[in-house]
ModelCIF file with pLDDT and N, C-alpha, C, O atoms, coordinates in Angstrom:
data_MODEL
#
_entry.id   MODEL 
#
_entity.id                         1 
_entity.type                       polymer 
_entity.pdbx_number_of_molecules   1 
#
_entity_poly.entity_id                      1 
_entity_poly.type                           'polypeptide(L)' 
_entity_poly.nstd_linkage                   no 
_entity_poly.nstd_monomer                   no 
_entity_poly.pdbx_seq_one_letter_code       QRLGGTAVDFMSLPLTTRVRLDATATWRYLRSSGPRAVIDKIHWR 
_entity_poly.pdbx_seq_one_letter_code_can   QRLGGTAVDFMSLPLTTRVRLDATATWRYLRSSGPRAVIDKIHWR 
_entity_poly.pdbx_strand_id                 A 
#
loop_
_entity_poly_seq.entity_id 
_entity_poly_seq.num 
_entity_poly_seq.mon_id 
_entity_poly_seq.hetero 
1 1  GLN n 
1 2  ARG n 
1 3  LEU n 
1 4  GLY n 
1 5  GLY n 
1 6  THR n 
1 7  ALA n 
1 8  VAL n 
1 9  ASP n 
1 10 PHE n 
1 11 MET n 
1 12 SER n 
1 13 LEU n 
1 14 PRO n 
1 15 LEU n 
1 16 THR n 
1 17 THR n 
1 18 ARG n 
1 19 VAL n 
1 20 ARG n 
1 21 LEU n 
1 22 ASP n 
1 23 ALA n 
1 24 THR n 
1 25 ALA n 
1 26 THR n 
1 27 TRP n 
1 28 ARG n 
1 29 TYR n 
1 30 LEU n 
1 31 ARG n 
1 32 SER n 
1 33 SER n 
1 34 GLY n 
1 35 PRO n 
1 36 ARG n 
1 37 ALA n 
1 38 VAL n 
1 39 ILE n 
1 40 ASP n 
1 41 LYS n 
1 42 ILE n 
1 43 HIS n 
1 44 TRP n 
1 45 ARG n 
#
_struct_asym.id          A 
_struct_asym.entity_id   1 
#
loop_
_ma_qa_metric.id 
_ma_qa_metric.mode 
_ma_qa_metric.name 
_ma_qa_metric.software_group_id 
_ma_qa_metric.type 
1 global pLDDT . pLDDT 
2 local  pLDDT . pLDDT 
#
_ma_qa_metric_global.metric_id      1 
_ma_qa_metric_global.metric_value   52.62 
_ma_qa_metric_global.model_id       1 
_ma_qa_metric_global.ordinal_id     1 
#
loop_
_ma_qa_metric_local.label_asym_id 
_ma_qa_metric_local.label_comp_id 
_ma_qa_metric_local.label_seq_id 
_ma_qa_metric_local.metric_id 
_ma_qa_metric_local.metric_value 
_ma_qa_metric_local.model_id 
_ma_qa_metric_local.ordinal_id 
A GLN 1  2 84.00 1 1  
A ARG 2  2 76.00 1 2  
A LEU 3  2 68.00 1 3  
A GLY 4  2 53.00 1 4  
A GLY 5  2 43.00 1 5  
A THR 6  2 40.00 1 6  
A ALA 7  2 39.00 1 7  
A VAL 8  2 41.00 1 8  
A ASP 9  2 45.00 1 9  
A PHE 10 2 45.00 1 10 
A MET 11 2 52.00 1 11 
A SER 12 2 50.00 1 12 
A LEU 13 2 49.00 1 13 
A PRO 14 2 54.00 1 14 
A LEU 15 2 62.00 1 15 
A THR 16 2 59.00 1 16 
A THR 17 2 50.00 1 17 
A ARG 18 2 51.00 1 18 
A VAL 19 2 55.00 1 19 
A ARG 20 2 54.00 1 20 
A LEU 21 2 50.00 1 21 
A ASP 22 2 58.00 1 22 
A ALA 23 2 58.00 1 23 
A THR 24 2 52.00 1 24 
A ALA 25 2 52.00 1 25 
A THR 26 2 55.00 1 26 
A TRP 27 2 49.00 1 27 
A ARG 28 2 48.00 1 28 
A TYR 29 2 45.00 1 29 
A LEU 30 2 50.00 1 30 
A ARG 31 2 50.00 1 31 
A SER 32 2 45.00 1 32 
A SER 33 2 48.00 1 33 
A GLY 34 2 53.00 1 34 
A PRO 35 2 56.00 1 35 
A ARG 36 2 56.00 1 36 
A ALA 37 2 52.00 1 37 
A VAL 38 2 51.00 1 38 
A ILE 39 2 56.00 1 39 
A ASP 40 2 56.00 1 40 
A LYS 41 2 52.00 1 41 
A ILE 42 2 54.00 1 42 
A HIS 43 2 53.00 1 43 
A TRP 44 2 48.00 1 44 
A ARG 45 2 51.00 1 45 
#
loop_
_atom_site.group_PDB 
_atom_site.id 
_atom_site.type_symbol 
_atom_site.label_atom_id 
_atom_site.label_alt_id 
_atom_site.label_comp_id 
_atom_site.label_asym_id 
_atom_site.label_entity_id 
_atom_site.label_seq_id 
_atom_site.pdbx_PDB_ins_code 
_atom_site.Cartn_x 
_atom_site.Cartn_y 
_atom_site.Cartn_z 
_atom_site.occupancy 
_atom_site.B_iso_or_equiv 
_atom_site.pdbx_formal_charge 
_atom_site.auth_seq_id 
_atom_site.auth_comp_id 
_atom_site.auth_asym_id 
_atom_site.auth_atom_id 
_atom_site.pdbx_PDB_model_num 
ATOM 1   N N  . GLN A 1 1  ? -33.198 -5.369 8.270   1.00 84.00 ? 1  GLN A N  1 
ATOM 2   C CA . GLN A 1 1  ? -32.959 -6.472 7.231   1.00 84.00 ? 1  GLN A CA 1 
ATOM 3   C C  . GLN A 1 1  ? -34.096 -7.005 7.109   1.00 84.00 ? 1  GLN A C  1 
ATOM 4   O O  . GLN A 1 1  ? -34.035 -7.951 6.324   1.00 84.00 ? 1  GLN A O  1 
ATOM 5   N N  . ARG A 1 2  ? -35.465 -6.777 7.668   1.00 76.00 ? 2  ARG A N  1 
ATOM 6   C CA . ARG A 1 2  ? -36.134 -7.509 7.526   1.00 76.00 ? 2  ARG A CA 1 
ATOM 7   C C  . ARG A 1 2  ? -37.731 -6.501 6.679   1.00 76.00 ? 2  ARG A C  1 
ATOM 8   O O  . ARG A 1 2  ? -38.729 -6.884 6.069   1.00 76.00 ? 2  ARG A O  1 
ATOM 9   N N  . LEU A 1 3  ? -37.336 -5.481 6.990   1.00 68.00 ? 3  LEU A N  1 
ATOM 10  C CA . LEU A 1 3  ? -37.795 -4.407 6.267   1.00 68.00 ? 3  LEU A CA 1 
ATOM 11  C C  . LEU A 1 3  ? -38.139 -4.158 4.792   1.00 68.00 ? 3  LEU A C  1 
ATOM 12  O O  . LEU A 1 3  ? -37.400 -4.717 3.981   1.00 68.00 ? 3  LEU A O  1 
ATOM 13  N N  . GLY A 1 4  ? -38.987 -3.523 4.389   1.00 53.00 ? 4  GLY A N  1 
ATOM 14  C CA . GLY A 1 4  ? -38.808 -3.410 2.608   1.00 53.00 ? 4  GLY A CA 1 
ATOM 15  C C  . GLY A 1 4  ? -37.374 -2.020 2.364   1.00 53.00 ? 4  GLY A C  1 
ATOM 16  O O  . GLY A 1 4  ? -36.580 -2.021 1.423   1.00 53.00 ? 4  GLY A O  1 
ATOM 17  N N  . GLY A 1 5  ? -37.405 -1.291 3.162   1.00 43.00 ? 5  GLY A N  1 
ATOM 18  C CA . GLY A 1 5  ? -35.813 -0.363 3.348   1.00 43.00 ? 5  GLY A CA 1 
ATOM 19  C C  . GLY A 1 5  ? -35.145 -1.390 3.881   1.00 43.00 ? 5  GLY A C  1 
ATOM 20  O O  . GLY A 1 5  ? -34.346 -0.928 4.695   1.00 43.00 ? 5  GLY A O  1 
ATOM 21  N N  . THR A 1 6  ? -35.077 -2.543 3.826   1.00 40.00 ? 6  THR A N  1 
ATOM 22  C CA . THR A 1 6  ? -33.208 -3.510 3.948   1.00 40.00 ? 6  THR A CA 1 
ATOM 23  C C  . THR A 1 6  ? -31.924 -2.890 3.614   1.00 40.00 ? 6  THR A C  1 
ATOM 24  O O  . THR A 1 6  ? -31.774 -2.577 2.433   1.00 40.00 ? 6  THR A O  1 
ATOM 25  N N  . ALA A 1 7  ? -31.119 -2.692 4.308   1.00 39.00 ? 7  ALA A N  1 
ATOM 26  C CA . ALA A 1 7  ? -29.769 -1.774 4.284   1.00 39.00 ? 7  ALA A CA 1 
ATOM 27  C C  . ALA A 1 7  ? -28.247 -2.601 3.593   1.00 39.00 ? 7  ALA A C  1 
ATOM 28  O O  . ALA A 1 7  ? -27.469 -3.358 4.175   1.00 39.00 ? 7  ALA A O  1 
ATOM 29  N N  . VAL A 1 8  ? -28.232 -2.278 2.662   1.00 41.00 ? 8  VAL A N  1 
ATOM 30  C CA . VAL A 1 8  ? -27.505 -3.161 2.313   1.00 41.00 ? 8  VAL A CA 1 
ATOM 31  C C  . VAL A 1 8  ? -26.243 -2.628 1.971   1.00 41.00 ? 8  VAL A C  1 
ATOM 32  O O  . VAL A 1 8  ? -26.192 -1.534 1.409   1.00 41.00 ? 8  VAL A O  1 
ATOM 33  N N  . ASP A 1 9  ? -24.852 -3.487 2.334   1.00 45.00 ? 9  ASP A N  1 
ATOM 34  C CA . ASP A 1 9  ? -23.248 -3.099 2.272   1.00 45.00 ? 9  ASP A CA 1 
ATOM 35  C C  . ASP A 1 9  ? -23.062 -2.661 0.884   1.00 45.00 ? 9  ASP A C  1 
ATOM 36  O O  . ASP A 1 9  ? -23.143 -3.331 -0.145  1.00 45.00 ? 9  ASP A O  1 
ATOM 37  N N  . PHE A 1 10 ? -22.863 -1.722 1.002   1.00 45.00 ? 10 PHE A N  1 
ATOM 38  C CA . PHE A 1 10 ? -22.140 -0.985 -0.378  1.00 45.00 ? 10 PHE A CA 1 
ATOM 39  C C  . PHE A 1 10 ? -21.433 -1.842 -1.203  1.00 45.00 ? 10 PHE A C  1 
ATOM 40  O O  . PHE A 1 10 ? -21.418 -2.276 -2.355  1.00 45.00 ? 10 PHE A O  1 
ATOM 41  N N  . MET A 1 11 ? -20.659 -1.933 0.213   1.00 52.00 ? 11 MET A N  1 
ATOM 42  C CA . MET A 1 11 ? -18.772 -2.110 -0.435  1.00 52.00 ? 11 MET A CA 1 
ATOM 43  C C  . MET A 1 11 ? -19.001 -3.889 -0.464  1.00 52.00 ? 11 MET A C  1 
ATOM 44  O O  . MET A 1 11 ? -17.990 -4.538 -0.732  1.00 52.00 ? 11 MET A O  1 
ATOM 45  N N  . SER A 1 12 ? -20.178 -4.592 -0.220  1.00 50.00 ? 12 SER A N  1 
ATOM 46  C CA . SER A 1 12 ? -20.202 -6.190 -0.400  1.00 50.00 ? 12 SER A CA 1 
ATOM 47  C C  . SER A 1 12 ? -20.943 -6.636 -1.539  1.00 50.00 ? 12 SER A C  1 
ATOM 48  O O  . SER A 1 12 ? -21.432 -7.764 -1.597  1.00 50.00 ? 12 SER A O  1 
ATOM 49  N N  . LEU A 1 13 ? -21.103 -5.228 -3.031  1.00 49.00 ? 13 LEU A N  1 
ATOM 50  C CA . LEU A 1 13 ? -21.672 -5.920 -3.916  1.00 49.00 ? 13 LEU A CA 1 
ATOM 51  C C  . LEU A 1 13 ? -20.598 -5.455 -5.219  1.00 49.00 ? 13 LEU A C  1 
ATOM 52  O O  . LEU A 1 13 ? -19.692 -4.639 -5.050  1.00 49.00 ? 13 LEU A O  1 
ATOM 53  N N  . PRO A 1 14 ? -20.860 -6.073 -6.415  1.00 54.00 ? 14 PRO A N  1 
ATOM 54  C CA . PRO A 1 14 ? -20.262 -6.285 -7.505  1.00 54.00 ? 14 PRO A CA 1 
ATOM 55  C C  . PRO A 1 14 ? -19.505 -4.745 -7.508  1.00 54.00 ? 14 PRO A C  1 
ATOM 56  O O  . PRO A 1 14 ? -19.996 -3.788 -6.909  1.00 54.00 ? 14 PRO A O  1 
ATOM 57  N N  . LEU A 1 15 ? -18.314 -4.675 -8.229  1.00 62.00 ? 15 LEU A N  1 
ATOM 58  C CA . LEU A 1 15 ? -18.059 -3.508 -8.427  1.00 62.00 ? 15 LEU A CA 1 
ATOM 59  C C  . LEU A 1 15 ? -17.740 -2.510 -9.711  1.00 62.00 ? 15 LEU A C  1 
ATOM 60  O O  . LEU A 1 15 ? -17.104 -1.462 -9.822  1.00 62.00 ? 15 LEU A O  1 
ATOM 61  N N  . THR A 1 16 ? -18.600 -3.465 -10.759 1.00 59.00 ? 16 THR A N  1 
ATOM 62  C CA . THR A 1 16 ? -19.228 -3.093 -11.539 1.00 59.00 ? 16 THR A CA 1 
ATOM 63  C C  . THR A 1 16 ? -20.595 -2.206 -11.389 1.00 59.00 ? 16 THR A C  1 
ATOM 64  O O  . THR A 1 16 ? -21.035 -1.267 -12.053 1.00 59.00 ? 16 THR A O  1 
ATOM 65  N N  . THR A 1 17 ? -21.291 -3.196 -9.744  1.00 50.00 ? 17 THR A N  1 
ATOM 66  C CA . THR A 1 17 ? -22.806 -2.611 -9.854  1.00 50.00 ? 17 THR A CA 1 
ATOM 67  C C  . THR A 1 17 ? -22.683 -1.280 -8.559  1.00 50.00 ? 17 THR A C  1 
ATOM 68  O O  . THR A 1 17 ? -23.581 -0.604 -8.056  1.00 50.00 ? 17 THR A O  1 
ATOM 69  N N  . ARG A 1 18 ? -21.282 -1.275 -8.330  1.00 51.00 ? 18 ARG A N  1 
ATOM 70  C CA . ARG A 1 18 ? -21.096 -0.135 -7.484  1.00 51.00 ? 18 ARG A CA 1 
ATOM 71  C C  . ARG A 1 18 ? -20.512 1.372  -7.966  1.00 51.00 ? 18 ARG A C  1 
ATOM 72  O O  . ARG A 1 18 ? -20.803 2.403  -7.360  1.00 51.00 ? 18 ARG A O  1 
ATOM 73  N N  . VAL A 1 19 ? -19.446 1.326  -9.419  1.00 55.00 ? 19 VAL A N  1 
ATOM 74  C CA . VAL A 1 19 ? -19.577 2.147  -10.259 1.00 55.00 ? 19 VAL A CA 1 
ATOM 75  C C  . VAL A 1 19 ? -20.581 2.538  -10.815 1.00 55.00 ? 19 VAL A C  1 
ATOM 76  O O  . VAL A 1 19 ? -20.606 3.751  -11.020 1.00 55.00 ? 19 VAL A O  1 
ATOM 77  N N  . ARG A 1 20 ? -21.673 1.801  -11.234 1.00 54.00 ? 20 ARG A N  1 
ATOM 78  C CA . ARG A 1 20 ? -22.896 2.185  -12.145 1.00 54.00 ? 20 ARG A CA 1 
ATOM 79  C C  . ARG A 1 20 ? -23.518 3.141  -10.662 1.00 54.00 ? 20 ARG A C  1 
ATOM 80  O O  . ARG A 1 20 ? -23.749 4.349  -10.622 1.00 54.00 ? 20 ARG A O  1 
ATOM 81  N N  . LEU A 1 21 ? -23.652 2.250  -9.689  1.00 50.00 ? 21 LEU A N  1 
ATOM 82  C CA . LEU A 1 21 ? -24.893 3.238  -8.442  1.00 50.00 ? 21 LEU A CA 1 
ATOM 83  C C  . LEU A 1 21 ? -23.544 4.403  -8.506  1.00 50.00 ? 21 LEU A C  1 
ATOM 84  O O  . LEU A 1 21 ? -23.985 5.357  -9.146  1.00 50.00 ? 21 LEU A O  1 
ATOM 85  N N  . ASP A 1 22 ? -22.701 4.571  -8.268  1.00 58.00 ? 22 ASP A N  1 
ATOM 86  C CA . ASP A 1 22 ? -21.890 5.649  -7.936  1.00 58.00 ? 22 ASP A CA 1 
ATOM 87  C C  . ASP A 1 22 ? -21.658 6.751  -9.289  1.00 58.00 ? 22 ASP A C  1 
ATOM 88  O O  . ASP A 1 22 ? -21.279 7.921  -9.237  1.00 58.00 ? 22 ASP A O  1 
ATOM 89  N N  . ALA A 1 23 ? -21.936 6.139  -10.188 1.00 58.00 ? 23 ALA A N  1 
ATOM 90  C CA . ALA A 1 23 ? -22.119 7.053  -11.356 1.00 58.00 ? 23 ALA A CA 1 
ATOM 91  C C  . ALA A 1 23 ? -23.456 8.114  -11.252 1.00 58.00 ? 23 ALA A C  1 
ATOM 92  O O  . ALA A 1 23 ? -23.529 9.333  -11.096 1.00 58.00 ? 23 ALA A O  1 
ATOM 93  N N  . THR A 1 24 ? -24.709 6.789  -11.456 1.00 52.00 ? 24 THR A N  1 
ATOM 94  C CA . THR A 1 24 ? -25.455 7.850  -11.040 1.00 52.00 ? 24 THR A CA 1 
ATOM 95  C C  . THR A 1 24 ? -26.329 8.681  -10.726 1.00 52.00 ? 24 THR A C  1 
ATOM 96  O O  . THR A 1 24 ? -27.158 9.439  -11.229 1.00 52.00 ? 24 THR A O  1 
ATOM 97  N N  . ALA A 1 25 ? -25.601 8.065  -8.955  1.00 52.00 ? 25 ALA A N  1 
ATOM 98  C CA . ALA A 1 25 ? -25.515 9.300  -7.599  1.00 52.00 ? 25 ALA A CA 1 
ATOM 99  C C  . ALA A 1 25 ? -24.980 10.489 -8.577  1.00 52.00 ? 25 ALA A C  1 
ATOM 100 O O  . ALA A 1 25 ? -25.525 11.339 -9.282  1.00 52.00 ? 25 ALA A O  1 
ATOM 101 N N  . THR A 1 26 ? -23.934 10.206 -8.335  1.00 55.00 ? 26 THR A N  1 
ATOM 102 C CA . THR A 1 26 ? -23.180 11.186 -8.835  1.00 55.00 ? 26 THR A CA 1 
ATOM 103 C C  . THR A 1 26 ? -23.918 12.527 -9.745  1.00 55.00 ? 26 THR A C  1 
ATOM 104 O O  . THR A 1 26 ? -24.168 13.666 -9.348  1.00 55.00 ? 26 THR A O  1 
ATOM 105 N N  . TRP A 1 27 ? -24.136 11.936 -11.030 1.00 49.00 ? 27 TRP A N  1 
ATOM 106 C CA . TRP A 1 27 ? -25.173 12.672 -11.971 1.00 49.00 ? 27 TRP A CA 1 
ATOM 107 C C  . TRP A 1 27 ? -26.344 13.728 -10.932 1.00 49.00 ? 27 TRP A C  1 
ATOM 108 O O  . TRP A 1 27 ? -26.193 14.937 -10.752 1.00 49.00 ? 27 TRP A O  1 
ATOM 109 N N  . ARG A 1 28 ? -27.407 12.929 -10.398 1.00 48.00 ? 28 ARG A N  1 
ATOM 110 C CA . ARG A 1 28 ? -28.146 13.096 -9.724  1.00 48.00 ? 28 ARG A CA 1 
ATOM 111 C C  . ARG A 1 28 ? -27.682 14.156 -8.684  1.00 48.00 ? 28 ARG A C  1 
ATOM 112 O O  . ARG A 1 28 ? -28.151 15.290 -8.782  1.00 48.00 ? 28 ARG A O  1 
ATOM 113 N N  . TYR A 1 29 ? -26.846 13.884 -7.752  1.00 45.00 ? 29 TYR A N  1 
ATOM 114 C CA . TYR A 1 29 ? -26.317 15.262 -7.222  1.00 45.00 ? 29 TYR A CA 1 
ATOM 115 C C  . TYR A 1 29 ? -26.291 16.289 -7.808  1.00 45.00 ? 29 TYR A C  1 
ATOM 116 O O  . TYR A 1 29 ? -27.003 17.262 -7.560  1.00 45.00 ? 29 TYR A O  1 
ATOM 117 N N  . LEU A 1 30 ? -24.965 16.150 -9.182  1.00 50.00 ? 30 LEU A N  1 
ATOM 118 C CA . LEU A 1 30 ? -24.612 17.940 -9.705  1.00 50.00 ? 30 LEU A CA 1 
ATOM 119 C C  . LEU A 1 30 ? -25.967 18.317 -10.418 1.00 50.00 ? 30 LEU A C  1 
ATOM 120 O O  . LEU A 1 30 ? -26.044 19.430 -10.938 1.00 50.00 ? 30 LEU A O  1 
ATOM 121 N N  . ARG A 1 31 ? -26.989 17.495 -10.470 1.00 50.00 ? 31 ARG A N  1 
ATOM 122 C CA . ARG A 1 31 ? -28.006 18.145 -11.570 1.00 50.00 ? 31 ARG A CA 1 
ATOM 123 C C  . ARG A 1 31 ? -28.723 19.159 -10.513 1.00 50.00 ? 31 ARG A C  1 
ATOM 124 O O  . ARG A 1 31 ? -28.866 20.367 -10.702 1.00 50.00 ? 31 ARG A O  1 
ATOM 125 N N  . SER A 1 32 ? -29.269 18.217 -9.025  1.00 45.00 ? 32 SER A N  1 
ATOM 126 C CA . SER A 1 32 ? -30.011 18.769 -8.282  1.00 45.00 ? 32 SER A CA 1 
ATOM 127 C C  . SER A 1 32 ? -29.323 19.796 -7.422  1.00 45.00 ? 32 SER A C  1 
ATOM 128 O O  . SER A 1 32 ? -29.973 20.839 -7.357  1.00 45.00 ? 32 SER A O  1 
ATOM 129 N N  . SER A 1 33 ? -28.048 19.803 -6.655  1.00 48.00 ? 33 SER A N  1 
ATOM 130 C CA . SER A 1 33 ? -27.649 20.097 -5.456  1.00 48.00 ? 33 SER A CA 1 
ATOM 131 C C  . SER A 1 33 ? -26.382 21.059 -6.416  1.00 48.00 ? 33 SER A C  1 
ATOM 132 O O  . SER A 1 33 ? -26.429 22.277 -6.242  1.00 48.00 ? 33 SER A O  1 
ATOM 133 N N  . GLY A 1 34 ? -25.430 20.582 -7.270  1.00 53.00 ? 34 GLY A N  1 
ATOM 134 C CA . GLY A 1 34 ? -24.184 20.931 -7.721  1.00 53.00 ? 34 GLY A CA 1 
ATOM 135 C C  . GLY A 1 34 ? -22.964 20.330 -7.080  1.00 53.00 ? 34 GLY A C  1 
ATOM 136 O O  . GLY A 1 34 ? -23.073 19.502 -6.176  1.00 53.00 ? 34 GLY A O  1 
ATOM 137 N N  . PRO A 1 35 ? -21.679 20.782 -7.589  1.00 56.00 ? 35 PRO A N  1 
ATOM 138 C CA . PRO A 1 35 ? -20.877 20.331 -6.827  1.00 56.00 ? 35 PRO A CA 1 
ATOM 139 C C  . PRO A 1 35 ? -20.099 19.542 -5.482  1.00 56.00 ? 35 PRO A C  1 
ATOM 140 O O  . PRO A 1 35 ? -19.354 18.621 -5.148  1.00 56.00 ? 35 PRO A O  1 
ATOM 141 N N  . ARG A 1 36 ? -21.306 21.247 -4.796  1.00 56.00 ? 36 ARG A N  1 
ATOM 142 C CA . ARG A 1 36 ? -20.859 20.723 -3.149  1.00 56.00 ? 36 ARG A CA 1 
ATOM 143 C C  . ARG A 1 36 ? -21.412 19.689 -2.699  1.00 56.00 ? 36 ARG A C  1 
ATOM 144 O O  . ARG A 1 36 ? -20.820 19.056 -1.825  1.00 56.00 ? 36 ARG A O  1 
ATOM 145 N N  . ALA A 1 37 ? -22.819 19.201 -3.224  1.00 52.00 ? 37 ALA A N  1 
ATOM 146 C CA . ALA A 1 37 ? -23.429 18.002 -2.902  1.00 52.00 ? 37 ALA A CA 1 
ATOM 147 C C  . ALA A 1 37 ? -22.654 16.823 -3.026  1.00 52.00 ? 37 ALA A C  1 
ATOM 148 O O  . ALA A 1 37 ? -22.473 16.227 -1.964  1.00 52.00 ? 37 ALA A O  1 
ATOM 149 N N  . VAL A 1 38 ? -22.277 16.455 -3.785  1.00 51.00 ? 38 VAL A N  1 
ATOM 150 C CA . VAL A 1 38 ? -20.361 15.645 -4.730  1.00 51.00 ? 38 VAL A CA 1 
ATOM 151 C C  . VAL A 1 38 ? -19.860 15.507 -3.276  1.00 51.00 ? 38 VAL A C  1 
ATOM 152 O O  . VAL A 1 38 ? -20.086 14.567 -2.514  1.00 51.00 ? 38 VAL A O  1 
ATOM 153 N N  . ILE A 1 39 ? -19.112 16.660 -3.027  1.00 56.00 ? 39 ILE A N  1 
ATOM 154 C CA . ILE A 1 39 ? -18.278 16.732 -2.135  1.00 56.00 ? 39 ILE A CA 1 
ATOM 155 C C  . ILE A 1 39 ? -18.535 16.157 -0.912  1.00 56.00 ? 39 ILE A C  1 
ATOM 156 O O  . ILE A 1 39 ? -17.836 15.253 -0.453  1.00 56.00 ? 39 ILE A O  1 
ATOM 157 N N  . ASP A 1 40 ? -19.649 16.697 -0.266  1.00 56.00 ? 40 ASP A N  1 
ATOM 158 C CA . ASP A 1 40 ? -20.188 15.849 0.916   1.00 56.00 ? 40 ASP A CA 1 
ATOM 159 C C  . ASP A 1 40 ? -20.603 14.706 0.356   1.00 56.00 ? 40 ASP A C  1 
ATOM 160 O O  . ASP A 1 40 ? -19.985 13.977 1.131   1.00 56.00 ? 40 ASP A O  1 
ATOM 161 N N  . LYS A 1 41 ? -21.046 14.094 -0.229  1.00 52.00 ? 41 LYS A N  1 
ATOM 162 C CA . LYS A 1 41 ? -21.435 12.557 -0.212  1.00 52.00 ? 41 LYS A CA 1 
ATOM 163 C C  . LYS A 1 41 ? -20.286 11.868 -0.391  1.00 52.00 ? 41 LYS A C  1 
ATOM 164 O O  . LYS A 1 41 ? -20.314 10.713 0.036   1.00 52.00 ? 41 LYS A O  1 
ATOM 165 N N  . ILE A 1 42 ? -19.021 12.330 -1.028  1.00 54.00 ? 42 ILE A N  1 
ATOM 166 C CA . ILE A 1 42 ? -17.551 11.198 -1.055  1.00 54.00 ? 42 ILE A CA 1 
ATOM 167 C C  . ILE A 1 42 ? -16.694 11.440 0.493   1.00 54.00 ? 42 ILE A C  1 
ATOM 168 O O  . ILE A 1 42 ? -15.989 10.631 1.097   1.00 54.00 ? 42 ILE A O  1 
ATOM 169 N N  . HIS A 1 43 ? -17.073 12.943 0.878   1.00 53.00 ? 43 HIS A N  1 
ATOM 170 C CA . HIS A 1 43 ? -16.659 13.008 2.677   1.00 53.00 ? 43 HIS A CA 1 
ATOM 171 C C  . HIS A 1 43 ? -17.097 11.546 3.701   1.00 53.00 ? 43 HIS A C  1 
ATOM 172 O O  . HIS A 1 43 ? -16.307 10.894 4.384   1.00 53.00 ? 43 HIS A O  1 
ATOM 173 N N  . TRP A 1 44 ? -18.999 11.243 3.498   1.00 48.00 ? 44 TRP A N  1 
ATOM 174 C CA . TRP A 1 44 ? -19.541 11.053 4.276   1.00 48.00 ? 44 TRP A CA 1 
ATOM 175 C C  . TRP A 1 44 ? -19.466 9.705  3.723   1.00 48.00 ? 44 TRP A C  1 
ATOM 176 O O  . TRP A 1 44 ? -20.133 9.043  4.518   1.00 48.00 ? 44 TRP A O  1 
ATOM 177 N N  . ARG A 1 45 ? -19.020 8.891  2.782   1.00 51.00 ? 45 ARG A N  1 
ATOM 178 C CA . ARG A 1 45 ? -18.367 7.485  2.397   1.00 51.00 ? 45 ARG A CA 1 
ATOM 179 C C  . ARG A 1 45 ? -17.049 7.066  2.987   1.00 51.00 ? 45 ARG A C  1 
ATOM 180 O O  . ARG A 1 45 ? -16.554 5.980  2.684   1.00 51.00 ? 45 ARG A O  1 
#
């Protein structure tokens, strides 16, 4: 929490921010690694 890589609780962010971040990540996973990466990330979350 004191470092540059502060871990932020995703669920504490505003809903609009969470949707935007999820959409950006989904597009990045699809482009770089395909649909399987999106499924793996959903399972992890």
